[in-house]
Protein backbone atom coordinates (compact mmCIF):
# COMPACT_ATOMS: atom_id res chain seq x y z
CA MET A 1 15.55 208.03 112.95
CA ILE A 2 15.38 211.38 114.79
CA THR A 3 15.30 212.26 118.47
CA PHE A 4 15.78 215.34 120.60
CA ALA A 5 19.29 215.52 122.06
CA PHE A 6 17.94 217.29 125.15
CA VAL A 7 14.57 217.26 126.91
CA PHE A 8 13.17 220.57 128.14
CA LEU A 9 12.31 220.21 131.83
CA GLY A 10 10.73 222.80 134.08
CA LEU A 11 9.28 226.08 132.80
CA VAL A 12 10.55 227.35 129.46
CA LEU A 13 10.32 230.70 127.68
CA GLY A 14 12.56 232.84 125.49
CA ILE A 15 15.10 231.57 122.98
CA HIS A 16 16.62 228.12 123.48
CA GLU A 17 18.80 225.92 121.31
CA VAL A 18 17.13 222.77 119.97
CA GLU A 19 19.46 219.97 118.95
CA LEU A 20 18.47 216.74 117.21
CA LEU A 21 20.13 213.36 116.74
CA VAL A 22 19.53 212.18 113.17
CA GLU A 23 20.20 208.76 111.64
CA GLY A 24 19.27 206.99 108.40
CA ASP A 25 18.06 208.44 105.12
CA VAL A 26 16.88 211.78 106.42
CA ALA A 27 17.35 214.62 103.95
CA ALA A 28 15.96 217.42 106.14
CA VAL A 29 14.26 218.07 109.47
CA ARG A 30 11.43 220.56 109.83
CA LEU A 31 10.85 222.10 113.28
CA GLU A 32 7.29 223.06 114.23
CA LEU A 33 6.08 224.95 117.31
CA ASP A 34 2.33 224.75 117.98
CA GLY A 35 1.81 223.69 114.35
CA ALA A 36 3.76 226.57 112.81
CA VAL A 37 7.07 225.97 111.02
CA VAL A 38 9.92 227.70 112.89
CA GLY A 39 12.91 226.27 111.04
CA GLU A 40 14.26 223.64 108.65
CA LEU A 41 17.63 221.87 108.89
CA GLN A 42 19.25 220.13 105.94
CA GLN A 43 22.64 219.08 107.26
CA GLU A 44 24.81 218.82 110.34
CA PRO A 45 24.86 220.33 112.85
CA TRP A 46 21.20 219.42 113.36
CA LYS A 47 20.48 222.29 115.74
CA THR A 48 18.90 225.72 115.70
CA ASP A 49 17.48 228.34 118.04
CA CYS A 50 13.76 228.24 118.86
CA ASP A 51 11.87 231.17 120.35
CA PHE A 52 9.27 230.00 122.91
CA GLY A 53 7.98 233.53 123.40
CA ALA A 54 8.38 236.26 125.97
CA THR A 55 5.57 235.00 128.23
CA LEU A 56 4.98 231.65 129.90
CA GLN A 57 2.68 229.53 127.72
CA PRO A 58 2.11 225.82 126.98
CA HIS A 59 3.63 224.64 123.70
CA ILE A 60 3.99 221.55 121.51
CA LEU A 61 7.41 221.25 119.86
CA GLU A 62 7.67 218.77 116.96
CA ALA A 63 10.53 217.69 114.70
CA VAL A 64 9.54 216.17 111.34
CA ALA A 65 12.00 214.01 109.36
CA LEU A 66 11.75 214.42 105.57
CA ASP A 67 13.12 212.29 102.77
CA SER A 68 14.75 213.57 99.55
CA ARG A 69 11.32 214.18 98.02
CA GLY A 70 10.17 216.24 100.98
CA GLU A 71 7.82 213.51 102.25
CA GLU A 72 7.40 212.94 105.98
CA ILE A 73 9.10 209.76 107.19
CA GLY A 74 9.16 210.34 110.95
CA ARG A 75 7.97 212.69 113.68
CA ILE A 76 8.80 213.25 117.35
CA ARG A 77 7.30 215.57 119.94
CA GLN A 78 8.05 217.37 123.18
CA LEU A 79 5.44 218.97 125.42
CA ILE A 80 6.66 222.34 126.75
CA ASN A 81 5.21 223.77 129.99
CA LEU A 82 2.69 220.91 130.00
CA PRO A 83 2.36 217.63 131.91
CA GLY A 84 4.59 215.00 130.40
CA GLU A 85 1.88 212.47 129.47
CA ARG A 86 -1.09 212.49 127.13
CA ALA A 87 -3.94 210.03 127.03
CA LYS A 88 -3.71 207.74 124.02
CA ALA A 89 -5.99 205.12 122.56
CA ALA A 90 -5.81 202.86 119.56
CA ILE A 91 -7.87 199.96 118.24
CA LEU A 92 -5.72 197.60 116.20
CA LEU A 93 -7.47 195.33 113.70
CA GLU A 94 -5.81 191.98 113.05
CA GLY A 95 -6.29 189.11 110.61
CA ALA A 96 -4.80 187.33 107.62
CA ASP A 97 -6.92 189.36 105.21
CA PRO A 98 -6.48 193.15 105.63
CA GLU A 99 -9.80 193.68 103.85
CA ARG A 100 -11.65 191.58 106.43
CA PRO A 101 -9.95 191.57 109.87
CA GLU A 102 -11.05 188.90 112.31
CA THR A 103 -10.00 190.29 115.70
CA ALA A 104 -9.52 193.67 117.36
CA ARG A 105 -7.17 194.70 120.16
CA LEU A 106 -7.18 197.86 122.29
CA ILE A 107 -3.84 199.58 122.84
CA TRP A 108 -3.91 202.14 125.64
CA GLN A 109 -1.74 204.19 127.98
CA HIS A 110 -2.41 205.59 131.46
CA ILE A 111 -0.21 207.87 133.48
CA GLU A 112 -0.48 205.77 136.67
CA TYR A 113 -1.87 202.29 136.07
CA PRO A 114 -0.17 199.38 134.28
CA SER A 115 -3.48 197.49 134.07
CA ALA A 116 -7.08 198.46 133.48
CA GLU A 117 -10.04 197.68 135.70
CA ARG A 118 -12.40 196.99 132.78
CA ILE A 119 -12.29 196.96 128.99
CA THR A 120 -15.42 196.65 126.85
CA PHE A 121 -16.01 196.46 123.10
CA HIS A 122 -19.18 197.27 121.15
CA PHE A 123 -19.72 196.34 117.49
CA ASP A 124 -22.56 198.28 115.86
CA GLY A 125 -23.82 199.07 119.35
CA LYS A 126 -23.81 195.48 120.68
CA GLN A 127 -21.33 194.45 123.35
CA LEU A 128 -18.84 191.73 122.40
CA PRO A 129 -17.41 189.12 124.80
CA LEU A 130 -13.66 189.45 125.38
CA SER A 131 -11.43 186.73 123.95
CA GLY A 132 -8.44 188.02 125.97
CA PRO A 133 -7.65 190.82 128.46
CA ASP A 134 -7.71 193.49 125.74
CA ARG A 135 -9.08 191.85 122.57
CA VAL A 136 -12.24 190.49 120.93
CA ASP A 137 -13.17 188.23 118.04
CA LEU A 138 -15.22 190.21 115.53
CA PRO A 139 -18.63 188.78 114.60
CA ALA A 140 -19.52 187.85 111.03
CA TYR A 141 -20.14 191.03 109.07
CA ASP A 142 -20.48 192.33 105.53
CA PRO A 143 -17.13 193.97 104.61
CA GLY A 144 -18.87 196.04 101.97
CA THR A 145 -20.99 197.81 104.59
CA LEU A 146 -19.74 200.42 107.07
CA HIS A 147 -19.61 199.18 110.68
CA SER A 148 -18.65 200.89 113.96
CA LEU A 149 -16.35 199.45 116.61
CA GLU A 150 -16.03 201.10 120.04
CA SER A 151 -13.86 200.20 123.01
CA GLU A 152 -13.99 201.77 126.47
CA VAL A 153 -11.31 201.29 129.12
CA VAL A 154 -11.93 202.05 132.82
CA PHE A 155 -9.18 202.42 135.45
CA PRO A 156 -9.21 201.95 139.25
CA ASP A 157 -9.34 205.73 139.87
CA GLY A 158 -12.48 206.09 137.75
CA ALA A 159 -10.73 207.51 134.69
CA HIS A 160 -11.88 206.16 131.36
CA TYR A 161 -11.71 206.92 127.69
CA LEU A 162 -13.28 205.78 124.48
CA ALA A 163 -11.57 204.61 121.28
CA GLU A 164 -13.64 204.32 118.10
CA LEU A 165 -13.14 203.39 114.45
CA ASN A 166 -15.18 202.41 111.43
CA LEU A 167 -14.48 199.33 109.33
CA GLY A 168 -15.93 197.91 106.16
CA GLY A 169 -16.96 199.90 103.15
CA ARG A 170 -13.96 201.97 102.05
CA THR A 171 -12.41 202.64 105.45
CA MET A 172 -8.75 202.27 106.31
CA TYR A 173 -7.39 199.20 108.07
CA GLY A 174 -6.73 200.24 111.64
CA ALA A 175 -6.93 203.60 113.44
CA ASP A 176 -5.07 205.59 116.04
CA THR A 177 -6.61 208.30 118.19
CA GLU A 178 -4.85 210.86 120.35
CA LEU A 179 -6.91 212.56 123.03
CA THR A 180 -6.73 215.92 124.76
CA GLY A 181 -8.24 216.27 128.22
CA VAL A 182 -10.13 219.50 128.93
CA THR A 183 -11.26 220.39 132.45
CA VAL A 184 -14.74 221.91 132.66
CA VAL A 185 -16.98 223.04 135.51
CA SER A 186 -20.51 221.68 135.38
CA SER A 187 -23.53 223.10 137.16
CA ARG A 188 -25.30 219.74 136.88
CA SER A 189 -25.44 217.19 139.67
CA HIS A 190 -24.76 214.28 137.30
CA THR A 191 -22.06 213.58 134.72
CA PRO A 192 -23.37 214.32 131.22
CA GLY A 193 -22.97 211.64 128.56
CA ILE A 194 -20.71 211.90 125.53
CA ARG A 195 -23.61 212.46 123.17
CA ALA A 196 -24.92 215.36 125.29
CA LEU A 197 -21.59 217.19 124.82
CA GLU A 198 -21.41 216.85 121.04
CA GLY A 199 -21.07 220.20 119.26
CA ARG A 200 -20.21 222.11 122.44
CA PHE A 201 -16.47 222.57 121.91
CA THR A 202 -14.40 224.29 119.22
CA SER A 203 -10.76 225.01 118.45
CA GLU A 204 -9.94 228.17 116.51
CA GLY A 205 -13.55 228.36 115.39
CA GLU A 206 -13.78 224.76 114.13
CA PRO A 207 -15.87 222.09 115.92
CA VAL A 208 -14.00 219.30 117.68
CA ARG A 209 -15.23 215.81 118.56
CA VAL A 210 -15.92 214.70 122.13
CA VAL A 211 -15.01 211.03 122.65
CA GLY A 212 -15.09 210.74 126.44
CA VAL A 213 -16.18 212.32 129.70
CA GLU A 214 -15.15 211.35 133.20
CA LYS A 215 -15.48 212.32 136.85
CA SER A 216 -12.18 211.18 138.30
CA PRO A 217 -10.51 211.91 141.67
CA ALA A 218 -9.03 215.39 142.04
CA ARG A 219 -5.40 216.43 142.47
CA VAL A 220 -4.61 219.50 144.60
CA ILE A 221 -1.16 221.09 144.82
CA MET A 222 -0.77 223.36 147.86
CA VAL A 223 2.07 225.92 147.89
CA VAL A 224 2.79 226.78 151.52
CA GLU A 225 4.81 229.94 152.12
CA GLN A 226 7.26 229.60 155.01
CA THR A 227 5.82 232.29 157.30
CA ALA A 228 2.39 230.61 157.16
CA LEU A 229 3.65 227.56 159.06
CA PRO A 230 3.61 229.06 162.61
CA ALA A 231 -0.03 230.14 162.26
CA LEU A 232 -0.99 226.70 160.91
CA ARG A 233 0.70 225.05 163.90
CA GLU A 234 -1.20 227.30 166.33
CA LEU A 235 -4.46 226.53 164.58
CA ALA A 236 -3.81 222.81 164.93
CA LYS A 237 -3.45 223.27 168.71
CA VAL A 238 -6.68 225.20 169.32
CA ALA A 239 -9.04 223.75 166.72
CA SER A 240 -11.31 221.08 168.17
CA SER A 241 -12.07 219.22 164.96
CA LEU A 242 -11.20 220.11 161.40
CA CYS A 243 -12.65 217.14 159.54
CA THR A 244 -16.15 217.33 158.12
CA PRO A 245 -17.70 216.01 154.88
CA GLU A 246 -17.07 219.47 153.39
CA THR A 247 -13.32 219.35 154.17
CA SER A 248 -12.60 215.72 153.31
CA LEU A 249 -10.51 214.12 150.58
CA HIS A 250 -12.58 211.72 148.51
CA GLN A 251 -11.37 208.26 147.56
CA GLY A 252 -8.45 208.42 145.15
CA GLU A 253 -7.88 212.16 145.55
CA GLN A 254 -4.39 213.52 146.14
CA LEU A 255 -3.09 216.46 148.17
CA VAL A 256 0.54 217.39 147.47
CA PHE A 257 2.56 220.16 149.13
CA LEU A 258 5.15 222.25 147.30
CA PHE A 259 7.44 224.60 149.24
CA PRO A 260 8.75 227.77 147.52
CA GLU A 261 12.21 227.64 149.12
CA VAL A 262 14.51 226.33 146.40
CA LYS A 263 17.90 224.71 146.15
CA LYS A 264 20.31 225.71 143.41
CA VAL A 265 21.75 222.74 141.55
CA GLU A 266 24.76 223.16 139.28
CA GLY A 267 24.80 221.08 136.12
CA LYS A 268 25.29 221.22 132.41
CA GLY A 269 24.01 224.41 130.85
CA VAL A 270 21.87 226.73 132.97
CA PRO A 271 21.84 225.97 136.74
CA ALA A 272 18.52 224.60 137.99
CA ARG A 273 16.58 225.65 141.07
CA LEU A 274 14.54 222.81 142.50
CA PHE A 275 11.45 222.99 144.71
CA SER A 276 10.76 220.44 147.43
CA MET A 277 7.53 218.47 147.19
CA SER A 278 5.80 216.20 149.65
CA GLN A 279 4.34 212.78 149.10
CA ALA A 280 0.79 212.58 147.78
CA PHE A 281 -1.53 212.53 150.79
CA THR A 282 -4.93 210.84 150.55
CA GLY A 283 -8.06 210.65 152.66
CA GLU A 284 -6.47 207.82 154.63
CA GLN A 285 -4.12 210.38 156.21
CA GLY A 286 -6.90 212.82 157.11
CA CYS A 287 -8.93 215.71 155.71
CA ILE A 288 -7.49 218.76 153.97
CA PRO A 289 -7.30 221.14 157.01
CA TRP A 290 -5.96 218.41 159.30
CA ILE A 291 -3.12 217.53 156.93
CA MET A 292 -2.17 221.12 156.04
CA THR A 293 -1.93 222.22 159.68
CA ARG A 294 0.52 219.40 160.41
CA VAL A 295 2.60 219.00 157.25
CA THR A 296 6.33 219.57 157.75
CA PRO A 297 8.63 220.81 154.98
CA PRO A 298 11.77 218.76 154.35
CA GLU A 299 14.84 219.73 156.34
CA THR A 300 17.16 221.66 154.04
CA GLU A 301 19.85 224.25 154.42
CA PRO A 302 18.59 227.87 154.56
CA SER A 303 18.20 229.26 151.06
CA PRO A 304 18.14 232.89 149.87
CA TYR A 305 15.77 231.85 147.08
CA ARG A 306 12.09 232.05 147.98
CA ARG A 307 10.22 231.91 144.68
CA ILE A 308 6.52 231.95 145.49
CA THR A 309 5.23 232.94 142.04
CA ASP A 310 7.54 230.47 140.29
CA ALA A 311 6.36 227.75 142.69
CA VAL A 312 2.71 228.43 141.81
CA ALA A 313 3.51 228.05 138.09
CA VAL A 314 5.30 224.73 138.73
CA ALA A 315 2.39 223.62 140.92
CA ALA A 316 -0.02 224.29 138.05
CA VAL A 317 1.83 221.85 135.78
CA GLU A 318 1.86 219.28 138.59
CA ALA A 319 -1.87 219.77 139.22
CA ALA A 320 -2.64 219.21 135.52
CA VAL A 321 -0.96 215.78 135.44
CA GLY A 322 -3.47 213.17 134.34
CA ASN A 323 -6.09 215.75 133.25
CA ARG A 324 -7.99 215.24 136.51
CA PRO A 325 -10.10 217.79 138.42
CA ARG A 326 -7.48 220.08 139.86
CA ALA A 327 -6.61 223.21 141.81
CA VAL A 328 -3.59 225.07 143.14
CA VAL A 329 -3.86 226.58 146.64
CA LEU A 330 -1.38 229.27 147.69
CA VAL A 331 -1.15 229.60 151.49
CA LEU A 332 0.45 232.90 152.55
CA GLY A 333 1.79 234.12 155.88
CA THR A 334 2.45 237.68 157.01
CA GLU A 335 6.13 238.23 156.17
CA ILE A 336 6.19 237.55 152.46
CA LYS A 337 9.41 237.69 150.44
CA ASP A 338 9.37 236.70 146.80
CA THR A 339 12.42 236.45 144.52
CA SER A 340 10.66 234.84 141.57
CA ALA A 341 11.79 235.06 137.98
CA TYR A 342 8.22 235.24 136.67
CA GLU A 343 5.76 238.08 137.16
CA ILE A 344 2.49 237.46 139.02
CA ASP A 345 0.30 238.46 136.05
CA GLU A 346 2.35 236.16 133.82
CA MET A 347 1.80 233.29 136.26
CA ARG A 348 -1.95 233.92 136.36
CA HIS A 349 -2.21 233.89 132.55
CA PHE A 350 -0.27 230.61 132.53
CA LEU A 351 -2.70 229.00 134.99
CA GLN A 352 -5.64 230.18 132.89
CA ALA A 353 -4.02 228.65 129.79
CA LEU A 354 -3.66 225.31 131.61
CA LYS A 355 -7.24 225.56 132.96
CA VAL A 356 -6.01 225.28 136.58
CA PRO A 357 -8.00 227.27 139.20
CA LEU A 358 -5.98 229.19 141.82
CA PHE A 359 -7.11 229.70 145.43
CA VAL A 360 -5.21 232.15 147.67
CA TRP A 361 -5.45 231.73 151.45
CA TRP A 362 -3.97 233.92 154.19
CA THR A 363 -3.21 232.61 157.68
CA GLY A 364 -3.39 235.86 159.63
CA HIS A 365 -0.93 236.66 162.38
CA PRO A 366 0.96 233.77 164.05
CA ALA A 367 0.22 235.23 167.52
CA THR A 368 -3.49 234.51 167.16
CA SER A 369 -4.30 231.67 169.59
CA THR A 370 -8.06 231.84 170.03
CA VAL A 371 -10.75 230.47 167.79
CA SER A 372 -13.26 233.06 166.67
CA GLU A 373 -16.84 232.00 166.08
CA ASP A 374 -17.25 234.84 163.60
CA ARG A 375 -18.89 233.33 160.52
CA ARG A 376 -18.24 236.33 158.25
CA PRO A 377 -15.63 235.53 155.60
CA ILE A 378 -12.69 237.92 155.53
CA THR A 379 -10.61 238.67 152.46
CA VAL A 380 -7.35 240.55 152.24
CA VAL A 381 -5.53 242.00 149.25
CA THR A 382 -2.18 240.42 148.38
CA PRO A 383 0.14 240.74 145.36
CA TRP A 384 -1.39 237.43 144.17
CA GLY A 385 -4.94 238.73 144.35
CA ARG A 386 -7.66 238.63 146.99
CA ALA A 387 -6.98 236.03 149.67
CA ASP A 388 -9.42 234.33 152.03
CA ASP A 389 -8.60 234.51 155.72
CA ILE A 390 -8.08 231.06 157.32
CA SER A 391 -6.89 232.27 160.75
CA THR A 392 -9.71 230.53 162.63
CA GLN A 393 -11.20 227.07 162.53
CA ARG A 394 -14.50 228.40 161.20
CA ARG A 395 -12.88 230.34 158.39
CA LEU A 396 -10.59 227.47 157.45
CA GLU A 397 -13.62 225.19 157.19
CA GLN A 398 -15.43 227.75 155.03
CA THR A 399 -12.57 228.21 152.58
CA THR A 400 -11.92 224.46 152.38
CA GLY A 401 -15.61 223.94 151.69
CA GLU A 402 -15.38 226.36 148.74
CA LEU A 403 -12.40 224.39 147.40
CA ARG A 404 -14.39 221.17 147.85
CA GLN A 405 -17.31 222.60 145.85
CA GLU A 406 -14.98 223.60 143.00
CA LEU A 407 -13.41 220.13 142.81
CA ASP A 408 -16.77 218.38 142.96
CA SER A 409 -18.07 220.43 140.02
CA GLN A 410 -15.14 219.66 137.69
CA LEU A 411 -15.24 217.09 134.90
CA THR A 412 -12.71 215.98 132.30
CA VAL A 413 -13.92 216.02 128.72
CA TRP A 414 -11.77 214.12 126.21
CA ILE A 415 -11.40 215.72 122.78
CA GLU A 416 -10.28 213.70 119.76
CA GLY A 417 -6.92 214.96 118.52
CA SER A 418 -3.97 216.81 120.00
CA PHE A 419 -4.66 220.39 121.09
CA LEU A 420 -3.10 222.90 123.43
CA PRO A 421 -5.47 223.41 126.41
CA ASN A 422 -5.76 227.15 125.72
CA LYS A 423 -6.93 226.44 122.14
CA ILE A 424 -10.14 224.69 123.23
CA GLU A 425 -13.22 226.92 123.59
CA LEU A 426 -16.91 226.47 124.25
CA ALA A 427 -19.24 226.94 121.32
CA LYS A 428 -21.52 229.96 121.42
CA GLY A 429 -24.68 229.63 123.44
CA VAL A 430 -23.54 226.66 125.54
CA ARG A 431 -25.07 226.58 129.02
CA GLY A 432 -24.58 224.40 132.08
CA ILE A 433 -20.80 224.04 131.71
CA LYS A 434 -17.80 226.37 131.53
CA LEU A 435 -14.07 225.92 131.12
CA ALA A 436 -12.12 225.73 134.37
CA GLU A 437 -10.12 228.86 135.18
């Protein structure tokens, strides 16, 4: 019925043209940005300018198809400056009689896995045996009484979410739930249950409903500035052992490298500048310090574009994929040159909006070839904030240990509904958890 003619890729701000492809009995199309109406089209050409703001922020862009009476007949969405996938869950009730369905089926989506490790159903708190990979036969029940149906799906990486609906009484036939993942830092040693988190989150002052909580493997995006590479190579030569429990990658965790040297690509519209990214390294390849002191950037032609700040912003979106525990690590050398389009303060506000913590590390001088036993942490001031010195084995282990502690303390809380990450807040007086930043 309606679809976006172009998909916004990369980081977007300022005024951009939005064009739609419209078919069928559509009388008008309403354009909404973050829930606010920003335009309405009633005829061809189905396009208009949309202002995404002067600063880098996450957005939800929606186009709503309307009929001649102004009623909604279709809706499409684009996520702007956000990971391209959302968690979704739906329980579909089936049966010949809509007033008394006989079976239930879970419909789900995961960013990585085509199949689930485990699916369970509970009817009024009692677990039901599966009649298929993703369905159950409902027990005999009184359709005039309200009943609860819950389904939980668990994936190989430990991620899970919960879909719920009520049936019987005067409830609707079927339900669909969209979830928003929120990364929090917990001071507790165990993962709190869903019920323990009820009433602890709000959006624009209104309470929101927690439907899931998970402790899944982390995803770390490391931006390595070019002049840091010689010092990392020297450290690899003189360090005796870099792998300890405090510097390891846990099962399922990913370490990805992004390099701020970019290649300009000509195409339709505005030319794109692309960053090079590595494969996703896991604990099978080694610990964090071992991998980072040996990683090699792809061989490319020399480029005049070294966009460190821009690369950190892109890395934040990559780190947020899947709503897992996450962090961005910026590794700086001593001869820094930055030609970024975005300002450093703007980038930092963007990371805070996405709830992605930023660590800044500094390699020291490449000529350093001895390993100091000095245990005192050293910080230096950079344009990106205070950086931890990693010029020796001891200091690299210390800083990696601090990163490890941050990742281990993060949880993903699933909120019912679709929200921008910067619109979720903790209720007043909440203790033991805080939003990642």
